[in-house]
Amino acid sequence: MLVDLVESLWERREKSPMWKQLHRHIIDQTYRKQWLVDHEDILLAIQQKKPDAARNAMWRHLENVKDTLLLLSEHQSPNFDGYLFSSNPVQIKI
């Protein structure tokens, strides 16, 4: 069931007009290395059965993604829709 859910999410992302448009403008792919480290941190916390660490690693990853996409986006454009970036930063318990 989890595999089906993840596959469905990836498929939806790949078909998303917003995601396609955003990635047409992104040339520098170095951000992906940080996201991979984020994923490794999430997986390690899950494997170690540390729910608080997994939750914090996931929130840290979501904030990294948001910050990266905002940095790489055309947020100075008058047509920029900042909806995805308008949430308050997540407070991480350390």
PDB file of N, CA and C in Angstrom:
ATOM      1  N   MET A   1       0.825  -1.182   0.000  1.00  0.00           N
ATOM      2  CA  MET A   1       0.000   0.000   0.000  1.00  0.00           C
ATOM      3  C   MET A   1       0.878   1.258   0.000  1.00  0.00           C
ATOM      4  N   LEU A   2       1.936   1.256   0.806  1.00  0.00           N
ATOM      5  CA  LEU A   2       2.828   2.407   0.862  1.00  0.00           C
ATOM      6  C   LEU A   2       3.513   2.641  -0.487  1.00  0.00           C
ATOM      7  N   VAL A   3       3.932   1.566  -1.126  1.00  0.00           N
ATOM      8  CA  VAL A   3       4.573   1.676  -2.447  1.00  0.00           C
ATOM      9  C   VAL A   3       3.595   2.286  -3.444  1.00  0.00           C
ATOM     10  N   ASP A   4       2.352   1.834  -3.432  1.00  0.00           N
ATOM     11  CA  ASP A   4       1.334   2.387  -4.334  1.00  0.00           C
ATOM     12  C   ASP A   4       1.114   3.882  -4.074  1.00  0.00           C
ATOM     13  N   LEU A   5       1.100   4.256  -2.801  1.00  0.00           N
ATOM     14  CA  LEU A   5       0.903   5.659  -2.444  1.00  0.00           C
ATOM     15  C   LEU A   5       2.051   6.516  -2.979  1.00  0.00           C
ATOM     16  N   VAL A   6       3.278   6.076  -2.768  1.00  0.00           N
ATOM     17  CA  VAL A   6       4.437   6.835  -3.228  1.00  0.00           C
ATOM     18  C   VAL A   6       4.449   6.919  -4.754  1.00  0.00           C
ATOM     19  N   GLU A   7       4.161   5.809  -5.416  1.00  0.00           N
ATOM     20  CA  GLU A   7       4.108   5.830  -6.884  1.00  0.00           C
ATOM     21  C   GLU A   7       3.040   6.804  -7.380  1.00  0.00           C
ATOM     22  N   SER A   8       1.917   6.831  -6.724  1.00  0.00           N
ATOM     23  CA  SER A   8       0.842   7.741  -7.104  1.00  0.00           C
ATOM     24  C   SER A   8       1.268   9.198  -6.916  1.00  0.00           C
ATOM     25  N   LEU A   9       1.935   9.483  -5.811  1.00  0.00           N
ATOM     26  CA  LEU A   9       2.403  10.843  -5.564  1.00  0.00           C
ATOM     27  C   LEU A   9       3.421  11.285  -6.612  1.00  0.00           C
ATOM     28  N   TRP A  10       4.358  10.402  -6.959  1.00  0.00           N
ATOM     29  CA  TRP A  10       5.354  10.728  -7.986  1.00  0.00           C
ATOM     30  C   TRP A  10       4.685  10.964  -9.337  1.00  0.00           C
ATOM     31  N   GLU A  11       3.724  10.123  -9.660  1.00  0.00           N
ATOM     32  CA  GLU A  11       3.018  10.267 -10.934  1.00  0.00           C
ATOM     33  C   GLU A  11       2.273  11.600 -10.987  1.00  0.00           C
ATOM     34  N   ARG A  12       1.619  11.956  -9.904  1.00  0.00           N
ATOM     35  CA  ARG A  12       0.900  13.234  -9.858  1.00  0.00           C
ATOM     36  C   ARG A  12       1.857  14.405  -9.991  1.00  0.00           C
ATOM     37  N   ARG A  13       3.016  14.295  -9.348  1.00  0.00           N
ATOM     38  CA  ARG A  13       4.009  15.359  -9.438  1.00  0.00           C
ATOM     39  C   ARG A  13       4.497  15.509 -10.869  1.00  0.00           C
ATOM     40  N   GLU A  14       4.797  14.396 -11.519  1.00  0.00           N
ATOM     41  CA  GLU A  14       5.315  14.426 -12.884  1.00  0.00           C
ATOM     42  C   GLU A  14       4.302  15.016 -13.871  1.00  0.00           C
ATOM     43  N   LYS A  15       3.028  14.852 -13.586  1.00  0.00           N
ATOM     44  CA  LYS A  15       1.980  15.362 -14.467  1.00  0.00           C
ATOM     45  C   LYS A  15       1.542  16.779 -14.111  1.00  0.00           C
ATOM     46  N   SER A  16       2.031  17.303 -13.010  1.00  0.00           N
ATOM     47  CA  SER A  16       1.611  18.614 -12.527  1.00  0.00           C
ATOM     48  C   SER A  16       2.121  19.727 -13.433  1.00  0.00           C
ATOM     49  N   PRO A  17       1.226  20.543 -13.995  1.00  0.00           N
ATOM     50  CA  PRO A  17       1.655  21.677 -14.823  1.00  0.00           C
ATOM     51  C   PRO A  17       2.550  22.646 -14.054  1.00  0.00           C
ATOM     52  N   MET A  18       2.242  22.865 -12.777  1.00  0.00           N
ATOM     53  CA  MET A  18       3.044  23.774 -11.969  1.00  0.00           C
ATOM     54  C   MET A  18       4.474  23.248 -11.843  1.00  0.00           C
ATOM     55  N   TRP A  19       4.607  21.959 -11.553  1.00  0.00           N
ATOM     56  CA  TRP A  19       5.930  21.357 -11.386  1.00  0.00           C
ATOM     57  C   TRP A  19       6.716  21.406 -12.695  1.00  0.00           C
ATOM     58  N   LYS A  20       6.053  21.112 -13.803  1.00  0.00           N
ATOM     59  CA  LYS A  20       6.718  21.159 -15.110  1.00  0.00           C
ATOM     60  C   LYS A  20       7.194  22.567 -15.425  1.00  0.00           C
ATOM     61  N   GLN A  21       6.348  23.553 -15.170  1.00  0.00           N
ATOM     62  CA  GLN A  21       6.716  24.933 -15.453  1.00  0.00           C
ATOM     63  C   GLN A  21       7.895  25.362 -14.587  1.00  0.00           C
ATOM     64  N   LEU A  22       7.872  25.012 -13.326  1.00  0.00           N
ATOM     65  CA  LEU A  22       8.958  25.379 -12.430  1.00  0.00           C
ATOM     66  C   LEU A  22      10.279  24.778 -12.902  1.00  0.00           C
ATOM     67  N   HIS A  23      10.258  23.514 -13.287  1.00  0.00           N
ATOM     68  CA  HIS A  23      11.495  22.837 -13.674  1.00  0.00           C
ATOM     69  C   HIS A  23      12.024  23.263 -15.045  1.00  0.00           C
ATOM     70  N   ARG A  24      11.214  23.907 -15.842  1.00  0.00           N
ATOM     71  CA  ARG A  24      11.711  24.468 -17.092  1.00  0.00           C
ATOM     72  C   ARG A  24      12.706  25.594 -16.828  1.00  0.00           C
ATOM     73  N   HIS A  25      12.576  26.245 -15.672  1.00  0.00           N
ATOM     74  CA  HIS A  25      13.417  27.383 -15.337  1.00  0.00           C
ATOM     75  C   HIS A  25      14.625  27.005 -14.481  1.00  0.00           C
ATOM     76  N   ILE A  26      14.659  25.798 -13.964  1.00  0.00           N
ATOM     77  CA  ILE A  26      15.738  25.389 -13.067  1.00  0.00           C
ATOM     78  C   ILE A  26      16.833  24.695 -13.870  1.00  0.00           C
ATOM     79  N   ILE A  27      17.976  25.335 -13.902  1.00  0.00           N
ATOM     80  CA  ILE A  27      19.113  24.763 -14.619  1.00  0.00           C
ATOM     81  C   ILE A  27      20.081  24.121 -13.621  1.00  0.00           C
ATOM     82  N   ASP A  28      20.355  24.807 -12.528  1.00  0.00           N
ATOM     83  CA  ASP A  28      21.282  24.331 -11.512  1.00  0.00           C
ATOM     84  C   ASP A  28      20.609  23.230 -10.691  1.00  0.00           C
ATOM     85  N   GLN A  29      21.174  22.036 -10.735  1.00  0.00           N
ATOM     86  CA  GLN A  29      20.581  20.880 -10.047  1.00  0.00           C
ATOM     87  C   GLN A  29      21.313  20.516  -8.759  1.00  0.00           C
ATOM     88  N   THR A  30      22.219  21.363  -8.277  1.00  0.00           N
ATOM     89  CA  THR A  30      23.003  21.017  -7.089  1.00  0.00           C
ATOM     90  C   THR A  30      22.145  20.886  -5.831  1.00  0.00           C
ATOM     91  N   TYR A  31      21.001  21.525  -5.831  1.00  0.00           N
ATOM     92  CA  TYR A  31      20.111  21.428  -4.675  1.00  0.00           C
ATOM     93  C   TYR A  31      19.713  19.981  -4.400  1.00  0.00           C
ATOM     94  N   ARG A  32      19.723  19.144  -5.425  1.00  0.00           N
ATOM     95  CA  ARG A  32      19.293  17.751  -5.262  1.00  0.00           C
ATOM     96  C   ARG A  32      20.177  16.982  -4.289  1.00  0.00           C
ATOM     97  N   LYS A  33      21.456  17.365  -4.188  1.00  0.00           N
ATOM     98  CA  LYS A  33      22.356  16.702  -3.237  1.00  0.00           C
ATOM     99  C   LYS A  33      21.876  16.913  -1.808  1.00  0.00           C
ATOM    100  N   GLN A  34      21.463  18.142  -1.487  1.00  0.00           N
ATOM    101  CA  GLN A  34      20.952  18.421  -0.150  1.00  0.00           C
ATOM    102  C   GLN A  34      19.665  17.650   0.109  1.00  0.00           C
ATOM    103  N   TRP A  35      18.808  17.583  -0.892  1.00  0.00           N
ATOM    104  CA  TRP A  35      17.553  16.849  -0.721  1.00  0.00           C
ATOM    105  C   TRP A  35      17.819  15.367  -0.495  1.00  0.00           C
ATOM    106  N   LEU A  36      18.843  14.821  -1.138  1.00  0.00           N
ATOM    107  CA  LEU A  36      19.200  13.420  -0.926  1.00  0.00           C
ATOM    108  C   LEU A  36      19.679  13.201   0.507  1.00  0.00           C
ATOM    109  N   VAL A  37      20.482  14.121   1.016  1.00  0.00           N
ATOM    110  CA  VAL A  37      20.915  14.040   2.417  1.00  0.00           C
ATOM    111  C   VAL A  37      19.694  14.112   3.333  1.00  0.00           C
ATOM    112  N   ASP A  38      18.762  14.996   3.015  1.00  0.00           N
ATOM    113  CA  ASP A  38      17.525  15.092   3.804  1.00  0.00           C
ATOM    114  C   ASP A  38      16.797  13.749   3.829  1.00  0.00           C
ATOM    115  N   HIS A  39      16.679  13.120   2.669  1.00  0.00           N
ATOM    116  CA  HIS A  39      15.982  11.830   2.591  1.00  0.00           C
ATOM    117  C   HIS A  39      16.710  10.766   3.399  1.00  0.00           C
ATOM    118  N   GLU A  40      18.021  10.784   3.364  1.00  0.00           N
ATOM    119  CA  GLU A  40      18.808   9.824   4.155  1.00  0.00           C
ATOM    120  C   GLU A  40      18.569  10.036   5.645  1.00  0.00           C
ATOM    121  N   ASP A  41      18.490  11.302   6.079  1.00  0.00           N
ATOM    122  CA  ASP A  41      18.218  11.604   7.491  1.00  0.00           C
ATOM    123  C   ASP A  41      16.841  11.095   7.908  1.00  0.00           C
ATOM    124  N   ILE A  42      15.865  11.278   7.034  1.00  0.00           N
ATOM    125  CA  ILE A  42      14.502  10.803   7.329  1.00  0.00           C
ATOM    126  C   ILE A  42      14.499   9.286   7.454  1.00  0.00           C
ATOM    127  N   LEU A  43      15.104   8.614   6.482  1.00  0.00           N
ATOM    128  CA  LEU A  43      15.138   7.151   6.490  1.00  0.00           C
ATOM    129  C   LEU A  43      15.867   6.621   7.714  1.00  0.00           C
ATOM    130  N   LEU A  44      16.991   7.216   8.065  1.00  0.00           N
ATOM    131  CA  LEU A  44      17.756   6.763   9.225  1.00  0.00           C
ATOM    132  C   LEU A  44      16.930   6.871  10.503  1.00  0.00           C
ATOM    133  N   ALA A  45      16.241   7.985  10.655  1.00  0.00           N
ATOM    134  CA  ALA A  45      15.404   8.161  11.853  1.00  0.00           C
ATOM    135  C   ALA A  45      14.292   7.127  11.902  1.00  0.00           C
ATOM    136  N   ILE A  46      13.704   6.810  10.750  1.00  0.00           N
ATOM    137  CA  ILE A  46      12.654   5.783  10.703  1.00  0.00           C
ATOM    138  C   ILE A  46      13.243   4.422  11.050  1.00  0.00           C
ATOM    139  N   GLN A  47      14.394   4.105  10.468  1.00  0.00           N
ATOM    140  CA  GLN A  47      15.039   2.819  10.738  1.00  0.00           C
ATOM    141  C   GLN A  47      15.405   2.680  12.215  1.00  0.00           C
ATOM    142  N   GLN A  48      15.777   3.777  12.843  1.00  0.00           N
ATOM    143  CA  GLN A  48      16.146   3.765  14.257  1.00  0.00           C
ATOM    144  C   GLN A  48      14.928   3.876  15.176  1.00  0.00           C
ATOM    145  N   LYS A  49      13.744   3.937  14.561  1.00  0.00           N
ATOM    146  CA  LYS A  49      12.479   4.025  15.302  1.00  0.00           C
ATOM    147  C   LYS A  49      12.455   5.224  16.242  1.00  0.00           C
ATOM    148  N   LYS A  50      12.849   6.367  15.670  1.00  0.00           N
ATOM    149  CA  LYS A  50      12.860   7.626  16.415  1.00  0.00           C
ATOM    150  C   LYS A  50      11.855   8.574  15.759  1.00  0.00           C
ATOM    151  N   PRO A  51      10.593   8.516  16.187  1.00  0.00           N
ATOM    152  CA  PRO A  51       9.555   9.311  15.524  1.00  0.00           C
ATOM    153  C   PRO A  51       9.793  10.816  15.588  1.00  0.00           C
ATOM    154  N   ASP A  52      10.289  11.331  16.706  1.00  0.00           N
ATOM    155  CA  ASP A  52      10.531  12.770  16.794  1.00  0.00           C
ATOM    156  C   ASP A  52      11.632  13.199  15.825  1.00  0.00           C
ATOM    157  N   ALA A  53      12.683  12.399  15.737  1.00  0.00           N
ATOM    158  CA  ALA A  53      13.774  12.711  14.804  1.00  0.00           C
ATOM    159  C   ALA A  53      13.288  12.615  13.361  1.00  0.00           C
ATOM    160  N   ALA A  54      12.437  11.631  13.064  1.00  0.00           N
ATOM    161  CA  ALA A  54      11.896  11.484  11.703  1.00  0.00           C
ATOM    162  C   ALA A  54      11.011  12.675  11.349  1.00  0.00           C
ATOM    163  N   ARG A  55      10.169  13.081  12.275  1.00  0.00           N
ATOM    164  CA  ARG A  55       9.285  14.225  12.038  1.00  0.00           C
ATOM    165  C   ARG A  55      10.113  15.499  11.820  1.00  0.00           C
ATOM    166  N   ASN A  56      11.114  15.708  12.659  1.00  0.00           N
ATOM    167  CA  ASN A  56      11.959  16.895  12.507  1.00  0.00           C
ATOM    168  C   ASN A  56      12.740  16.858  11.199  1.00  0.00           C
ATOM    169  N   ALA A  57      13.237  15.690  10.819  1.00  0.00           N
ATOM    170  CA  ALA A  57      13.975  15.558   9.557  1.00  0.00           C
ATOM    171  C   ALA A  57      13.047  15.833   8.380  1.00  0.00           C
ATOM    172  N   MET A  58      11.807  15.380   8.471  1.00  0.00           N
ATOM    173  CA  MET A  58      10.859  15.618   7.383  1.00  0.00           C
ATOM    174  C   MET A  58      10.528  17.104   7.274  1.00  0.00           C
ATOM    175  N   TRP A  59      10.272  17.755   8.397  1.00  0.00           N
ATOM    176  CA  TRP A  59       9.980  19.189   8.371  1.00  0.00           C
ATOM    177  C   TRP A  59      11.180  19.981   7.852  1.00  0.00           C
ATOM    178  N   ARG A  60      12.376  19.577   8.269  1.00  0.00           N
ATOM    179  CA  ARG A  60      13.587  20.247   7.792  1.00  0.00           C
ATOM    180  C   ARG A  60      13.684  20.111   6.267  1.00  0.00           C
ATOM    181  N   HIS A  61      13.367  18.922   5.766  1.00  0.00           N
ATOM    182  CA  HIS A  61      13.392  18.687   4.325  1.00  0.00           C
ATOM    183  C   HIS A  61      12.349  19.555   3.609  1.00  0.00           C
ATOM    184  N   LEU A  62      11.154  19.615   4.135  1.00  0.00           N
ATOM    185  CA  LEU A  62      10.108  20.432   3.504  1.00  0.00           C
ATOM    186  C   LEU A  62      10.514  21.910   3.479  1.00  0.00           C
ATOM    187  N   GLU A  63      11.119  22.378   4.549  1.00  0.00           N
ATOM    188  CA  GLU A  63      11.590  23.767   4.572  1.00  0.00           C
ATOM    189  C   GLU A  63      12.728  23.968   3.568  1.00  0.00           C
ATOM    190  N   ASN A  64      13.638  22.983   3.457  1.00  0.00           N
ATOM    191  CA  ASN A  64      14.719  23.074   2.479  1.00  0.00           C
ATOM    192  C   ASN A  64      14.161  23.127   1.057  1.00  0.00           C
ATOM    193  N   VAL A  65      13.170  22.297   0.788  1.00  0.00           N
ATOM    194  CA  VAL A  65      12.541  22.291  -0.539  1.00  0.00           C
ATOM    195  C   VAL A  65      11.887  23.640  -0.809  1.00  0.00           C
ATOM    196  N   LYS A  66      11.114  24.118   0.150  1.00  0.00           N
ATOM    197  CA  LYS A  66      10.435  25.407  -0.022  1.00  0.00           C
ATOM    198  C   LYS A  66      11.447  26.520  -0.256  1.00  0.00           C
ATOM    199  N   ASP A  67      12.487  26.575   0.560  1.00  0.00           N
ATOM    200  CA  ASP A  67      13.495  27.626   0.419  1.00  0.00           C
ATOM    201  C   ASP A  67      14.207  27.532  -0.927  1.00  0.00           C
ATOM    202  N   THR A  68      14.528  26.321  -1.344  1.00  0.00           N
ATOM    203  CA  THR A  68      15.218  26.128  -2.625  1.00  0.00           C
ATOM    204  C   THR A  68      14.330  26.537  -3.788  1.00  0.00           C
ATOM    205  N   LEU A  69      13.090  26.101  -3.774  1.00  0.00           N
ATOM    206  CA  LEU A  69      12.186  26.438  -4.874  1.00  0.00           C
ATOM    207  C   LEU A  69      11.925  27.935  -4.936  1.00  0.00           C
ATOM    208  N   LEU A  70      11.839  28.573  -3.791  1.00  0.00           N
ATOM    209  CA  LEU A  70      11.655  30.018  -3.785  1.00  0.00           C
ATOM    210  C   LEU A  70      12.893  30.705  -4.350  1.00  0.00           C
ATOM    211  N   LEU A  71      14.059  30.248  -3.957  1.00  0.00           N
ATOM    212  CA  LEU A  71      15.307  30.822  -4.458  1.00  0.00           C
ATOM    213  C   LEU A  71      15.433  30.661  -5.972  1.00  0.00           C
ATOM    214  N   LEU A  72      15.027  29.507  -6.494  1.00  0.00           N
ATOM    215  CA  LEU A  72      15.172  29.212  -7.910  1.00  0.00           C
ATOM    216  C   LEU A  72      13.997  29.704  -8.754  1.00  0.00           C
ATOM    217  N   SER A  73      12.958  30.175  -8.106  1.00  0.00           N
ATOM    218  CA  SER A  73      11.768  30.597  -8.843  1.00  0.00           C
ATOM    219  C   SER A  73      11.913  32.029  -9.327  1.00  0.00           C
ATOM    220  N   GLU A  74      10.945  32.439 -10.095  1.00  0.00           N
ATOM    221  CA  GLU A  74      10.885  33.813 -10.594  1.00  0.00           C
ATOM    222  C   GLU A  74      10.020  34.651  -9.663  1.00  0.00           C
ATOM    223  N   HIS A  75      10.378  34.659  -8.378  1.00  0.00           N
ATOM    224  CA  HIS A  75       9.537  35.329  -7.402  1.00  0.00           C
ATOM    225  C   HIS A  75       9.531  36.847  -7.553  1.00  0.00           C
ATOM    226  N   GLN A  76      10.404  37.391  -8.366  1.00  0.00           N
ATOM    227  CA  GLN A  76      10.391  38.833  -8.617  1.00  0.00           C
ATOM    228  C   GLN A  76       9.401  39.205  -9.728  1.00  0.00           C
ATOM    229  N   SER A  77       8.949  38.201 -10.457  1.00  0.00           N
ATOM    230  CA  SER A  77       8.019  38.437 -11.560  1.00  0.00           C
ATOM    231  C   SER A  77       6.668  38.918 -11.032  1.00  0.00           C
ATOM    232  N   PRO A  78       6.030  39.876 -11.715  1.00  0.00           N
ATOM    233  CA  PRO A  78       4.704  40.321 -11.274  1.00  0.00           C
ATOM    234  C   PRO A  78       3.643  39.225 -11.372  1.00  0.00           C
ATOM    235  N   ASN A  79       3.913  38.189 -12.158  1.00  0.00           N
ATOM    236  CA  ASN A  79       2.959  37.087 -12.310  1.00  0.00           C
ATOM    237  C   ASN A  79       3.207  35.943 -11.334  1.00  0.00           C
ATOM    238  N   PHE A  80       4.175  36.107 -10.432  1.00  0.00           N
ATOM    239  CA  PHE A  80       4.508  35.042  -9.486  1.00  0.00           C
ATOM    240  C   PHE A  80       3.379  34.821  -8.497  1.00  0.00           C
ATOM    241  N   ASP A  81       2.986  33.563  -8.353  1.00  0.00           N
ATOM    242  CA  ASP A  81       1.957  33.178  -7.387  1.00  0.00           C
ATOM    243  C   ASP A  81       2.674  32.609  -6.170  1.00  0.00           C
ATOM    244  N   GLY A  82       2.766  33.380  -5.118  1.00  0.00           N
ATOM    245  CA  GLY A  82       3.520  32.959  -3.946  1.00  0.00           C
ATOM    246  C   GLY A  82       2.765  32.066  -2.990  1.00  0.00           C
ATOM    247  N   TYR A  83       1.630  31.530  -3.417  1.00  0.00           N
ATOM    248  CA  TYR A  83       0.811  30.716  -2.517  1.00  0.00           C
ATOM    249  C   TYR A  83       1.603  29.601  -1.851  1.00  0.00           C
ATOM    250  N   LEU A  84       2.405  28.866  -2.635  1.00  0.00           N
ATOM    251  CA  LEU A  84       3.135  27.728  -2.077  1.00  0.00           C
ATOM    252  C   LEU A  84       4.176  28.140  -1.057  1.00  0.00           C
ATOM    253  N   PHE A  85       4.583  29.404  -1.078  1.00  0.00           N
ATOM    254  CA  PHE A  85       5.660  29.851  -0.214  1.00  0.00           C
ATOM    255  C   PHE A  85       5.178  30.740   0.918  1.00  0.00           C
ATOM    256  N   SER A  86       3.889  30.890   1.065  1.00  0.00           N
ATOM    257  CA  SER A  86       3.365  31.860   2.014  1.00  0.00           C
ATOM    258  C   SER A  86       3.175  31.309   3.426  1.00  0.00           C
ATOM    259  N   SER A  87       3.422  30.036   3.646  1.00  0.00           N
ATOM    260  CA  SER A  87       3.233  29.470   4.974  1.00  0.00           C
ATOM    261  C   SER A  87       4.335  29.936   5.914  1.00  0.00           C
ATOM    262  N   ASN A  88       4.033  29.904   7.185  1.00  0.00           N
ATOM    263  CA  ASN A  88       5.039  30.253   8.184  1.00  0.00           C
ATOM    264  C   ASN A  88       6.072  29.149   8.284  1.00  0.00           C
ATOM    265  N   PRO A  89       7.324  29.502   8.558  1.00  0.00           N
ATOM    266  CA  PRO A  89       8.335  28.449   8.714  1.00  0.00           C
ATOM    267  C   PRO A  89       7.957  27.516   9.852  1.00  0.00           C
ATOM    268  N   VAL A  90       8.309  26.282   9.703  1.00  0.00           N
ATOM    269  CA  VAL A  90       8.020  25.281  10.715  1.00  0.00           C
ATOM    270  C   VAL A  90       9.015  25.419  11.862  1.00  0.00           C
ATOM    271  N   GLN A  91       8.515  25.347  13.067  1.00  0.00           N
ATOM    272  CA  GLN A  91       9.387  25.375  14.221  1.00  0.00           C
ATOM    273  C   GLN A  91       9.832  23.939  14.530  1.00  0.00           C
ATOM    274  N   ILE A  92      11.135  23.725  14.484  1.00  0.00           N
ATOM    275  CA  ILE A  92      11.674  22.377  14.698  1.00  0.00           C
ATOM    276  C   ILE A  92      12.142  22.251  16.147  1.00  0.00           C
ATOM    277  N   LYS A  93      11.711  21.165  16.797  1.00  0.00           N
ATOM    278  CA  LYS A  93      12.180  20.873  18.146  1.00  0.00           C
ATOM    279  C   LYS A  93      13.497  20.112  18.023  1.00  0.00           C
ATOM    280  N   ILE A  94      14.509  20.605  18.663  1.00  0.00           N
ATOM    281  CA  ILE A  94      15.805  19.905  18.633  1.00  0.00           C
ATOM    282  C   ILE A  94      16.166  19.416  20.004  1.00  0.00           C
TER     283      ILE A  94
END
